[in-house]
Structure formats: structure tokens, C-alpha cells
PDB file of N, CA and C in Angstrom:
ATOM      1  N   MET A   1      89.765  88.246  84.994  1.00  0.00           N
ATOM      2  CA  MET A   1      89.212  88.498  86.344  1.00  0.00           C
ATOM      3  C   MET A   1      90.225  88.236  87.372  1.00  0.00           C
ATOM      4  N   LYS A   2      91.145  87.257  87.191  1.00  0.00           N
ATOM      5  CA  LYS A   2      92.215  87.044  88.163  1.00  0.00           C
ATOM      6  C   LYS A   2      93.236  88.212  88.251  1.00  0.00           C
ATOM      7  N   ASP A   3      93.390  88.830  87.119  1.00  0.00           N
ATOM      8  CA  ASP A   3      94.335  90.053  87.141  1.00  0.00           C
ATOM      9  C   ASP A   3      93.672  91.111  88.019  1.00  0.00           C
ATOM     10  N   LEU A   4      92.433  91.365  87.832  1.00  0.00           N
ATOM     11  CA  LEU A   4      91.803  92.356  88.595  1.00  0.00           C
ATOM     12  C   LEU A   4      91.809  92.129  90.055  1.00  0.00           C
ATOM     13  N   THR A   5      91.640  90.841  90.476  1.00  0.00           N
ATOM     14  CA  THR A   5      91.809  90.498  91.895  1.00  0.00           C
ATOM     15  C   THR A   5      93.159  90.680  92.324  1.00  0.00           C
ATOM     16  N   VAL A   6      94.078  90.394  91.724  1.00  0.00           N
ATOM     17  CA  VAL A   6      95.575  90.601  92.144  1.00  0.00           C
ATOM     18  C   VAL A   6      95.877  92.092  92.221  1.00  0.00           C
ATOM     19  N   ILE A   7      95.343  92.967  91.333  1.00  0.00           N
ATOM     20  CA  ILE A   7      95.520  94.317  91.474  1.00  0.00           C
ATOM     21  C   ILE A   7      94.766  94.969  92.628  1.00  0.00           C
ATOM     22  N   LEU A   8      93.579  94.519  92.822  1.00  0.00           N
ATOM     23  CA  LEU A   8      92.927  95.043  93.933  1.00  0.00           C
ATOM     24  C   LEU A   8      93.390  94.542  95.297  1.00  0.00           C
ATOM     25  N   LEU A   9      93.956  93.310  95.253  1.00  0.00           N
ATOM     26  CA  LEU A   9      94.617  92.860  96.546  1.00  0.00           C
ATOM     27  C   LEU A   9      95.939  93.605  96.765  1.00  0.00           C
ATOM     28  N   ALA A  10      96.682  93.882  95.732  1.00  0.00           N
ATOM     29  CA  ALA A  10      97.875  94.787  95.850  1.00  0.00           C
ATOM     30  C   ALA A  10      97.522  96.165  96.378  1.00  0.00           C
ATOM     31  N   ILE A  11      96.603  96.802  95.856  1.00  0.00           N
ATOM     32  CA  ILE A  11      96.183  98.105  96.329  1.00  0.00           C
ATOM     33  C   ILE A  11      95.764  98.164  97.738  1.00  0.00           C
ATOM     34  N   ALA A  12      95.004  96.979  98.195  1.00  0.00           N
ATOM     35  CA  ALA A  12      94.559  96.906  99.616  1.00  0.00           C
ATOM     36  C   ALA A  12      95.809  96.699 100.485  1.00  0.00           C
ATOM     37  N   VAL A  13      96.717  95.971 100.148  1.00  0.00           N
ATOM     38  CA  VAL A  13      98.053  95.765 100.933  1.00  0.00           C
ATOM     39  C   VAL A  13      98.809  97.009 101.041  1.00  0.00           C
ATOM     40  N   ILE A  14      98.955  97.704 100.017  1.00  0.00           N
ATOM     41  CA  ILE A  14      99.673  99.108  99.954  1.00  0.00           C
ATOM     42  C   ILE A  14      98.873 100.014 100.846  1.00  0.00           C
ATOM     43  N   ALA A  15      97.523 100.125 100.890  1.00  0.00           N
ATOM     44  CA  ALA A  15      96.794 101.036 101.717  1.00  0.00           C
ATOM     45  C   ALA A  15      96.889 100.582 103.134  1.00  0.00           C
ATOM     46  N   ILE A  16      96.832  99.296 103.510  1.00  0.00           N
ATOM     47  CA  ILE A  16      97.071  98.842 104.814  1.00  0.00           C
ATOM     48  C   ILE A  16      98.511  99.324 105.405  1.00  0.00           C
ATOM     49  N   ILE A  17      99.450  99.103 104.617  1.00  0.00           N
ATOM     50  CA  ILE A  17     100.788  99.570 104.945  1.00  0.00           C
ATOM     51  C   ILE A  17     100.891 100.946 105.192  1.00  0.00           C
ATOM     52  N   PHE A  18     100.297 101.691 104.272  1.00  0.00           N
ATOM     53  CA  PHE A  18     100.201 103.256 104.308  1.00  0.00           C
ATOM     54  C   PHE A  18      99.524 103.577 105.640  1.00  0.00           C
ATOM     55  N   ILE A  19      98.553 103.105 105.962  1.00  0.00           N
ATOM     56  CA  ILE A  19      97.793 103.455 107.192  1.00  0.00           C
ATOM     57  C   ILE A  19      98.370 102.974 108.461  1.00  0.00           C
ATOM     58  N   ALA A  20      98.878 101.704 108.389  1.00  0.00           N
ATOM     59  CA  ALA A  20      99.442 101.062 109.639  1.00  0.00           C
ATOM     60  C   ALA A  20     100.868 101.441 109.982  1.00  0.00           C
ATOM     61  N   GLY A  21     101.660 101.813 108.997  1.00  0.00           N
ATOM     62  CA  GLY A  21     103.077 102.134 109.089  1.00  0.00           C
ATOM     63  C   GLY A  21     103.287 103.278 110.227  1.00  0.00           C
ATOM     64  N   PRO A  22     102.628 104.526 110.057  1.00  0.00           N
ATOM     65  CA  PRO A  22     102.815 105.479 111.080  1.00  0.00           C
ATOM     66  C   PRO A  22     102.289 105.102 112.410  1.00  0.00           C
ATOM     67  N   LEU A  23     101.378 104.382 112.559  1.00  0.00           N
ATOM     68  CA  LEU A  23     100.791 103.856 113.724  1.00  0.00           C
ATOM     69  C   LEU A  23     101.865 102.972 114.473  1.00  0.00           C
ATOM     70  N   VAL A  24     102.385 102.172 113.670  1.00  0.00           N
ATOM     71  CA  VAL A  24     103.382 101.174 114.277  1.00  0.00           C
ATOM     72  C   VAL A  24     104.677 102.035 114.671  1.00  0.00           C
ATOM     73  N   THR A  25     105.028 103.052 113.991  1.00  0.00           N
ATOM     74  CA  THR A  25     106.092 103.974 114.290  1.00  0.00           C
ATOM     75  C   THR A  25     105.891 104.620 115.784  1.00  0.00           C
ATOM     76  N   ILE A  26     104.678 105.194 115.807  1.00  0.00           N
ATOM     77  CA  ILE A  26     104.243 105.799 117.212  1.00  0.00           C
ATOM     78  C   ILE A  26     104.142 104.758 118.284  1.00  0.00           C
ATOM     79  N   TRP A  27     103.724 103.647 117.957  1.00  0.00           N
ATOM     80  CA  TRP A  27     103.691 102.593 119.005  1.00  0.00           C
ATOM     81  C   TRP A  27     105.079 102.073 119.331  1.00  0.00           C
ATOM     82  N   SER A  28     105.941 101.973 118.433  1.00  0.00           N
ATOM     83  CA  SER A  28     107.445 101.700 118.846  1.00  0.00           C
ATOM     84  C   SER A  28     108.020 102.765 119.606  1.00  0.00           C
ATOM     85  N   LEU A  29     107.834 103.940 119.264  1.00  0.00           N
ATOM     86  CA  LEU A  29     108.471 105.059 120.054  1.00  0.00           C
ATOM     87  C   LEU A  29     107.969 105.062 121.413  1.00  0.00           C
ATOM     88  N   ASN A  30     106.608 104.797 121.659  1.00  0.00           N
ATOM     89  CA  ASN A  30     105.986 104.792 123.015  1.00  0.00           C
ATOM     90  C   ASN A  30     106.545 103.548 123.642  1.00  0.00           C
ATOM     91  N   MET A  31     106.866 102.445 123.063  1.00  0.00           N
ATOM     92  CA  MET A  31     107.415 101.287 123.795  1.00  0.00           C
ATOM     93  C   MET A  31     108.825 101.469 124.231  1.00  0.00           C
ATOM     94  N   LEU A  32     109.616 102.159 123.326  1.00  0.00           N
ATOM     95  CA  LEU A  32     111.062 102.424 123.646  1.00  0.00           C
ATOM     96  C   LEU A  32     111.192 103.496 124.614  1.00  0.00           C
ATOM     97  N   PHE A  33     110.391 104.509 124.517  1.00  0.00           N
ATOM     98  CA  PHE A  33     110.504 105.799 125.375  1.00  0.00           C
ATOM     99  C   PHE A  33     109.124 106.008 125.990  1.00  0.00           C
ATOM    100  N   PRO A  34     108.884 105.363 127.152  1.00  0.00           N
ATOM    101  CA  PRO A  34     107.386 105.508 127.664  1.00  0.00           C
ATOM    102  C   PRO A  34     107.190 107.001 128.140  1.00  0.00           C
ATOM    103  N   VAL A  35     108.270 107.663 128.369  1.00  0.00           N
ATOM    104  CA  VAL A  35     108.014 109.109 128.853  1.00  0.00           C
ATOM    105  C   VAL A  35     107.379 109.962 127.804  1.00  0.00           C
ATOM    106  N   LEU A  36     107.583 109.475 126.553  1.00  0.00           N
ATOM    107  CA  LEU A  36     107.048 110.351 125.335  1.00  0.00           C
ATOM    108  C   LEU A  36     105.459 110.401 125.547  1.00  0.00           C
ATOM    109  N   ALA A  37     104.798 109.203 125.687  1.00  0.00           N
ATOM    110  CA  ALA A  37     103.372 109.119 125.773  1.00  0.00           C
ATOM    111  C   ALA A  37     102.652 109.816 124.625  1.00  0.00           C
ATOM    112  N   ILE A  38     103.098 109.450 123.411  1.00  0.00           N
ATOM    113  CA  ILE A  38     102.569 110.090 122.209  1.00  0.00           C
ATOM    114  C   ILE A  38     101.100 109.594 121.956  1.00  0.00           C
ATOM    115  N   PRO A  39     100.188 110.490 121.735  1.00  0.00           N
ATOM    116  CA  PRO A  39      98.781 109.931 121.606  1.00  0.00           C
ATOM    117  C   PRO A  39      98.611 109.476 120.202  1.00  0.00           C
ATOM    118  N   TYR A  40      97.642 108.506 119.989  1.00  0.00           N
ATOM    119  CA  TYR A  40      97.279 107.966 118.743  1.00  0.00           C
ATOM    120  C   TYR A  40      96.081 108.957 118.222  1.00  0.00           C
ATOM    121  N   ASN A  41      96.306 109.829 117.298  1.00  0.00           N
ATOM    122  CA  ASN A  41      95.311 110.613 116.622  1.00  0.00           C
ATOM    123  C   ASN A  41      95.798 110.912 115.209  1.00  0.00           C
ATOM    124  N   ALA A  42      94.901 111.748 114.572  1.00  0.00           N
ATOM    125  CA  ALA A  42      95.315 111.985 113.142  1.00  0.00           C
ATOM    126  C   ALA A  42      96.383 112.949 113.032  1.00  0.00           C
ATOM    127  N   ALA A  43      96.624 113.790 113.986  1.00  0.00           N
ATOM    128  CA  ALA A  43      97.833 114.742 113.899  1.00  0.00           C
ATOM    129  C   ALA A  43      99.103 113.927 113.980  1.00  0.00           C
ATOM    130  N   THR A  44      99.157 113.122 115.069  1.00  0.00           N
ATOM    131  CA  THR A  44     100.364 112.376 115.218  1.00  0.00           C
ATOM    132  C   THR A  44     100.646 111.381 114.105  1.00  0.00           C
ATOM    133  N   TRP A  45      99.613 110.802 113.661  1.00  0.00           N
ATOM    134  CA  TRP A  45      99.666 109.953 112.445  1.00  0.00           C
ATOM    135  C   TRP A  45     100.340 110.585 111.314  1.00  0.00           C
ATOM    136  N   ALA A  46      99.905 111.901 110.982  1.00  0.00           N
ATOM    137  CA  ALA A  46     100.331 112.599 109.778  1.00  0.00           C
ATOM    138  C   ALA A  46     101.902 112.984 110.094  1.00  0.00           C
ATOM    139  N   ALA A  47     102.179 113.278 111.376  1.00  0.00           N
ATOM    140  CA  ALA A  47     103.540 113.703 111.738  1.00  0.00           C
ATOM    141  C   ALA A  47     104.472 112.575 111.522  1.00  0.00           C
ATOM    142  N   ALA A  48     103.993 111.308 111.902  1.00  0.00           N
ATOM    143  CA  ALA A  48     104.806 110.100 111.705  1.00  0.00           C
ATOM    144  C   ALA A  48     105.026 109.749 110.293  1.00  0.00           C
ATOM    145  N   LEU A  49     104.075 109.911 109.487  1.00  0.00           N
ATOM    146  CA  LEU A  49     104.062 109.680 108.019  1.00  0.00           C
ATOM    147  C   LEU A  49     104.963 110.642 107.379  1.00  0.00           C
ATOM    148  N   TRP A  50     104.978 111.908 107.757  1.00  0.00           N
ATOM    149  CA  TRP A  50     105.820 112.905 107.143  1.00  0.00           C
ATOM    150  C   TRP A  50     107.259 112.687 107.542  1.00  0.00           C
ATOM    151  N   ILE A  51     107.493 112.399 108.893  1.00  0.00           N
ATOM    152  CA  ILE A  51     108.985 112.257 109.212  1.00  0.00           C
ATOM    153  C   ILE A  51     109.444 110.855 108.735  1.00  0.00           C
ATOM    154  N   THR A  52     108.719 109.864 108.646  1.00  0.00           N
ATOM    155  CA  THR A  52     109.101 108.663 107.896  1.00  0.00           C
ATOM    156  C   THR A  52     109.489 108.839 106.467  1.00  0.00           C
ATOM    157  N   GLY A  53     108.598 109.698 105.720  1.00  0.00           N
ATOM    158  CA  GLY A  53     108.924 110.061 104.359  1.00  0.00           C
ATOM    159  C   GLY A  53     110.141 110.770 104.222  1.00  0.00           C
ATOM    160  N   LEU A  54     110.424 111.683 105.085  1.00  0.00           N
ATOM    161  CA  LEU A  54     111.775 112.552 105.085  1.00  0.00           C
ATOM    162  C   LEU A  54     112.999 111.724 105.357  1.00  0.00           C
ATOM    163  N   LEU A  55     112.745 110.808 106.244  1.00  0.00           N
ATOM    164  CA  LEU A  55     114.009 109.843 106.608  1.00  0.00           C
ATOM    165  C   LEU A  55     114.159 108.780 105.641  1.00  0.00           C
ATOM    166  N   THR A  56     113.220 108.286 104.920  1.00  0.00           N
ATOM    167  CA  THR A  56     113.493 107.164 104.038  1.00  0.00           C
ATOM    168  C   THR A  56     113.832 107.726 102.618  1.00  0.00           C
ATOM    169  N   GLY A  57     113.312 108.943 102.243  1.00  0.00           N
ATOM    170  CA  GLY A  57     113.523 109.421 100.947  1.00  0.00           C
ATOM    171  C   GLY A  57     112.806 108.709  99.809  1.00  0.00           C
ATOM    172  N   PRO A  58     113.063 109.043  98.545  1.00  0.00           N
ATOM    173  CA  PRO A  58     112.323 108.449  97.517  1.00  0.00           C
ATOM    174  C   PRO A  58     112.669 107.007  97.352  1.00  0.00           C
ATOM    175  N   ILE A  59     111.662 106.124  97.337  1.00  0.00           N
ATOM    176  CA  ILE A  59     111.764 104.778  97.205  1.00  0.00           C
ATOM    177  C   ILE A  59     111.675 104.405  95.674  1.00  0.00           C
ATOM    178  N   LEU A  60     110.726 105.056  94.855  1.00  0.00           N
ATOM    179  CA  LEU A  60     110.736 104.754  93.526  1.00  0.00           C
ATOM    180  C   LEU A  60     111.683 105.629  92.782  1.00  0.00           C
ATOM    181  N   SER A  61     112.282 105.032  91.715  1.00  0.00           N
ATOM    182  CA  SER A  61     112.979 105.810  90.827  1.00  0.00           C
ATOM    183  C   SER A  61     112.584 105.529  89.397  1.00  0.00           C
ATOM    184  N   PHE A  62     112.346 106.530  88.657  1.00  0.00           N
ATOM    185  CA  PHE A  62     111.975 106.533  87.351  1.00  0.00           C
ATOM    186  C   PHE A  62     113.094 106.787  86.225  1.00  0.00           C
ATOM    187  N   LYS A  63     114.274 106.737  86.717  1.00  0.00           N
ATOM    188  CA  LYS A  63     115.481 106.924  85.821  1.00  0.00           C
ATOM    189  C   LYS A  63     115.644 105.606  85.108  1.00  0.00           C
ATOM    190  N   SER A  64     116.129 105.783  83.778  1.00  0.00           N
ATOM    191  CA  SER A  64     116.541 104.584  83.107  1.00  0.00           C
ATOM    192  C   SER A  64     117.827 104.027  83.509  1.00  0.00           C
ATOM    193  N   ARG A  65     117.862 102.792  83.702  1.00  0.00           N
ATOM    194  CA  ARG A  65     119.076 102.236  84.169  1.00  0.00           C
ATOM    195  C   ARG A  65     119.774 101.475  82.963  1.00  0.00           C
ATOM    196  N   LYS A  66     120.710 102.133  82.262  1.00  0.00           N
ATOM    197  CA  LYS A  66     121.341 101.560  81.169  1.00  0.00           C
ATOM    198  C   LYS A  66     122.838 101.076  81.418  1.00  0.00           C
TER     199      LYS A  66
END
């Protein structure tokens, strides 16, 4: 039962980071550059998610490290 709780907690944390990450990116851009005035909506959230994914690249690697 404890393993299930840990797994569900990990999934919840990952989901929160996935949802909040682009919003924090938009917020930080609005704070640094007030003239941008980027609105908070689904389109700008998806755009921030996309650009963050492009800039960070693949995080997970499934190559064997020998």
C-alpha cells in the first residue's frame, strides 16, 4: 500500500510541475518584460510548454551506459 501511495504522489508532483511550469515561464517573462503583457490562457500555456521543450531538449535517455 505504501508503494502505491509513493507512486501516486510522484505522479501528482510530476503533473503539477507539468501544469505549473509553463505558467511560471509566462509569469517570469511578464515580470521581466512588462511590455509583453502575455495573457494567461490555454494557447499561451501550450506555446510556453512547446518552447520550453524545444530549449531543454530530451531529458530522459534510454541509451545503455557501459
